Protein backbone atom coordinates (compact mmCIF):
# COMPACT_ATOMS: atom_id res chain seq x y z
CA UNK A 1 86.97 114.06 131.06
CA UNK A 2 89.37 113.39 128.22
CA UNK A 3 92.50 111.35 128.86
CA UNK A 4 94.29 112.21 125.64
CA UNK A 5 93.96 115.96 125.04
CA UNK A 6 96.15 115.90 121.92
CA UNK A 7 93.98 113.32 120.15
CA UNK A 8 90.88 115.21 121.25
CA UNK A 9 92.24 118.45 119.77
CA UNK A 10 93.27 116.81 116.49
CA UNK A 11 89.91 115.05 116.15
CA UNK A 12 87.97 118.28 116.77
CA UNK A 13 90.03 120.11 114.12
CA UNK A 14 89.69 117.19 111.66
CA UNK A 15 85.90 117.01 112.14
CA UNK A 16 85.39 120.76 111.89
CA UNK A 17 87.46 121.07 108.73
CA UNK A 18 85.59 118.18 107.10
CA UNK A 19 82.27 120.03 107.50
CA UNK A 20 83.89 123.42 106.74
CA UNK A 21 83.39 125.09 110.12
CA UNK A 22 85.53 128.16 110.70
CA UNK A 23 85.73 128.01 114.51
CA UNK A 24 86.64 125.07 116.74
CA UNK A 25 86.40 125.00 120.53
CA UNK A 26 89.24 123.02 122.15
CA UNK A 27 89.83 122.45 125.90
CA UNK A 28 92.58 124.71 127.25
CA UNK A 29 95.81 123.03 128.36
CA UNK A 30 99.45 124.03 128.02
CA UNK A 31 100.02 121.43 125.32
CA UNK A 32 97.00 122.49 123.22
CA UNK A 33 98.22 126.09 123.35
CA UNK A 34 101.71 124.98 122.26
CA UNK A 35 100.29 122.90 119.38
CA UNK A 36 98.04 125.76 118.29
CA UNK A 37 100.95 128.21 118.29
CA UNK A 38 103.03 125.87 116.10
CA UNK A 39 100.08 125.37 113.73
CA UNK A 40 99.68 129.14 113.49
CA UNK A 41 103.38 129.75 112.84
CA UNK A 42 103.33 127.07 110.09
CA UNK A 43 100.18 128.66 108.52
CA UNK A 44 97.87 125.69 109.08
CA UNK A 45 95.38 127.79 111.10
CA UNK A 46 94.47 131.48 110.98
CA UNK A 47 94.58 132.25 114.70
CA UNK A 48 93.63 131.01 118.17
CA UNK A 49 92.40 132.75 121.28
CA UNK A 50 91.86 131.83 124.92
CA UNK A 51 88.23 131.92 126.01
CA UNK A 52 86.84 131.53 129.53
CA UNK A 53 83.31 130.50 130.44
CA UNK A 54 82.08 129.64 133.97
CA UNK A 55 85.35 128.32 135.43
CA UNK A 56 86.29 126.48 132.23
CA UNK A 57 88.94 127.63 129.78
CA UNK A 58 88.80 126.91 126.07
CA UNK A 59 90.81 127.72 123.00
CA UNK A 60 88.91 129.05 120.02
CA UNK A 61 90.81 127.98 116.91
CA UNK A 62 90.09 129.77 113.63
CA UNK A 63 90.63 127.33 110.77
CA UNK A 64 92.21 128.33 107.48
CA UNK A 65 90.71 127.58 104.07
CA UNK A 66 91.79 128.16 100.49
CA UNK A 67 89.33 129.03 97.74
CA UNK A 68 86.03 130.86 97.97
CA UNK A 69 82.39 129.95 98.35
CA UNK A 70 81.46 126.28 98.11
CA UNK A 71 84.81 125.35 96.60
CA UNK A 72 86.67 126.02 99.86
CA UNK A 73 89.21 123.41 100.87
CA UNK A 74 90.88 123.20 104.24
CA UNK A 75 94.60 123.92 104.38
CA UNK A 76 94.89 120.87 106.65
CA UNK A 77 94.15 117.75 104.63
CA UNK A 78 95.33 115.12 107.12
CA UNK A 79 96.03 115.00 110.87
CA UNK A 80 97.53 111.71 111.98
CA UNK A 81 98.29 110.91 115.63
CA UNK A 82 101.52 108.91 116.03
CA UNK A 83 102.45 108.65 119.71
CA UNK A 84 99.53 107.52 121.86
CA UNK A 85 99.16 107.03 125.62
CA UNK A 86 99.31 103.26 125.14
CA UNK A 87 102.29 103.31 122.77
CA UNK A 88 104.76 106.18 122.94
CA UNK A 89 106.94 106.79 119.88
CA UNK A 90 110.31 108.49 120.39
CA UNK A 91 113.01 109.44 117.93
CA UNK A 92 116.58 110.65 118.04
CA UNK A 93 117.81 113.75 116.24
CA UNK A 94 119.35 111.61 113.49
CA UNK A 95 116.15 109.67 112.81
CA UNK A 96 113.59 112.52 112.69
CA UNK A 97 110.78 111.72 110.24
CA UNK A 98 110.32 113.41 106.86
CA UNK A 99 106.61 113.95 106.15
CA UNK A 100 105.64 113.93 102.45
CA UNK A 101 109.09 115.05 101.35
CA UNK A 102 108.90 118.04 103.73
CA UNK A 103 105.52 119.20 102.33
CA UNK A 104 104.00 118.21 105.68
CA UNK A 105 105.26 118.55 109.23
CA UNK A 106 105.66 116.31 112.24
CA UNK A 107 105.07 117.83 115.67
CA UNK A 108 107.80 116.76 118.08
CA UNK A 109 107.68 117.19 121.85
CA UNK A 110 111.28 118.01 122.82
CA UNK A 111 112.94 119.19 126.02
CA UNK A 112 112.84 122.68 124.50
CA UNK A 113 109.09 122.57 123.82
CA UNK A 114 106.85 121.46 121.00
CA UNK A 115 108.27 122.15 117.55
CA UNK A 116 108.27 120.86 114.00
CA UNK A 117 110.59 118.13 112.77
CA UNK A 118 112.49 120.72 110.70
CA UNK A 119 113.16 122.95 113.73
CA UNK A 120 114.20 119.94 115.82
CA UNK A 121 116.62 118.84 113.10
CA UNK A 122 118.22 122.31 113.03
CA UNK A 123 118.64 122.24 116.81
CA UNK A 124 119.87 118.63 116.75
CA UNK A 125 117.39 117.30 119.32
CA UNK A 126 114.92 114.43 119.28
CA UNK A 127 111.81 113.69 121.28
CA UNK A 128 108.34 112.22 121.15
CA UNK A 129 106.58 112.28 117.77
CA UNK A 130 103.10 113.63 118.50
CA UNK A 131 101.49 113.78 115.05
CA UNK A 132 101.88 114.29 111.30
CA UNK A 133 100.12 117.16 109.55
CA UNK A 134 99.77 117.86 105.86
């Protein structure tokens, strides 16, 4: 059993993109679905789908690549976990992080759900910084 499902999801995506796999199987939780939907809306992944197998639910995440053939490169170059179970990192609306001059995103867990740092800034709310993606 995994204690930190967010780190597990990010590590699976990071490992699969490094060896150029197109599909990743991630354990199904509400937070992994929310993260996958944000990644899809920000065009970091192609799609995701719920999959059930003998009383276990999984998410199948279809990774996105640019280029063709052997020269394919993953759209996601870096996934960096910020807030961990042992050390939570929170931010206010005024101090939301800027990732690579807004070329990357930060996923923020807010009272209104998981969203990017740009969306949280527009709404004027802060929360827990989950990870940086670029």
